[in-house]
Amino acid sequence: MALKLIFMRVSGSKLNETAIGYKTLALEAYEIDGFTFVWSTDGKGWKGARNNLEETFDVMDHIYNIKDLEDEIIGEVF
């Protein structure tokens, strides 16, 4: 399993593009047997991009933040 952590300090077009891109990747990943797409992200920048993040939450099963990683939620999920 590979895990990528993205920490966003400010909102903006890059943040929105990331959320939309990961939503697309998550939808495509559902087609691959034995593959799970996991996104871990955090930061104040997400407060300004809640709508895009909510759209991504709607299609992804696994979005986590730094606190989740500290609490070892990944071990519980997988």
Protein backbone atom coordinates (compact mmCIF):
# COMPACT_ATOMS: atom_id res chain seq x y z
CA MET A 1 0.00 0.00 0.00
CA ALA A 2 1.28 3.46 -0.88
CA LEU A 3 0.12 6.46 1.10
CA LYS A 4 0.46 10.05 -0.04
CA LEU A 5 -0.03 12.91 2.42
CA ILE A 6 -0.84 16.37 1.10
CA PHE A 7 -0.81 19.28 3.55
CA MET A 8 -2.49 22.44 2.30
CA ARG A 9 -1.89 25.74 4.12
CA VAL A 10 -3.84 28.02 1.78
CA SER A 11 -6.86 27.53 -0.46
CA GLY A 12 -6.82 28.25 -4.17
CA SER A 13 -6.95 26.73 -7.62
CA LYS A 14 -4.26 24.11 -6.92
CA LEU A 15 -6.24 22.82 -3.98
CA ASN A 16 -9.46 22.66 -5.99
CA GLU A 17 -7.65 20.95 -8.87
CA THR A 18 -6.21 18.38 -6.46
CA ALA A 19 -9.63 17.54 -5.00
CA ILE A 20 -11.19 17.18 -8.45
CA GLY A 21 -8.25 15.11 -9.74
CA TYR A 22 -8.32 12.74 -6.78
CA LYS A 23 -12.06 12.34 -7.15
CA THR A 24 -11.45 11.22 -10.75
CA LEU A 25 -8.67 8.84 -9.67
CA ALA A 26 -10.88 7.35 -6.97
CA LEU A 27 -13.65 6.66 -9.47
CA GLU A 28 -11.19 5.00 -11.85
CA ALA A 29 -9.62 2.99 -9.01
CA TYR A 30 -12.93 1.26 -8.27
CA GLU A 31 -12.47 -0.57 -11.59
CA ILE A 32 -9.20 -2.21 -10.42
CA ASP A 33 -9.61 -5.44 -8.46
CA GLY A 34 -7.51 -5.60 -5.30
CA PHE A 35 -6.62 -1.88 -5.39
CA THR A 36 -7.70 0.69 -2.83
CA PHE A 37 -7.16 4.41 -3.36
CA VAL A 38 -6.38 6.16 -0.07
CA TRP A 39 -5.96 9.93 0.28
CA SER A 40 -4.57 11.54 3.41
CA THR A 41 -4.62 15.31 3.53
CA ASP A 42 -4.84 18.10 6.05
CA GLY A 43 -4.32 21.81 6.51
CA LYS A 44 -6.15 25.09 6.94
CA GLY A 45 -6.44 25.52 3.18
CA TRP A 46 -9.26 23.00 3.05
CA LYS A 47 -11.55 25.35 4.96
CA GLY A 48 -11.77 27.53 1.86
CA ALA A 49 -12.38 24.57 -0.44
CA ARG A 50 -15.05 22.67 1.45
CA ASN A 51 -17.37 22.28 -1.54
CA ASN A 52 -14.77 20.46 -3.63
CA LEU A 53 -13.72 18.34 -0.69
CA GLU A 54 -17.33 17.39 0.01
CA GLU A 55 -17.77 16.29 -3.61
CA THR A 56 -14.69 14.11 -3.25
CA PHE A 57 -15.93 12.67 0.07
CA ASP A 58 -19.10 11.60 -1.73
CA VAL A 59 -17.19 9.24 -4.05
CA MET A 60 -14.20 8.16 -1.90
CA ASP A 61 -14.27 5.56 0.82
CA HIS A 62 -10.88 6.49 2.28
CA ILE A 63 -9.97 10.14 3.00
CA TYR A 64 -8.01 10.76 6.18
CA ASN A 65 -6.23 13.57 7.98
CA ILE A 66 -3.09 13.80 10.12
CA LYS A 67 -5.00 13.04 13.33
CA ASP A 68 -6.34 9.85 11.74
CA LEU A 69 -2.79 8.79 10.90
CA GLU A 70 -1.59 9.57 14.43
CA ASP A 71 -4.46 7.45 15.76
CA GLU A 72 -3.36 4.63 13.40
CA ILE A 73 -6.75 4.44 11.70
CA ILE A 74 -5.09 2.97 8.60
CA GLY A 75 -4.25 -0.17 10.55
CA GLU A 76 -7.88 -0.49 11.62
CA VAL A 77 -9.24 0.03 8.12
CA PHE A 78 -6.85 -2.31 6.34
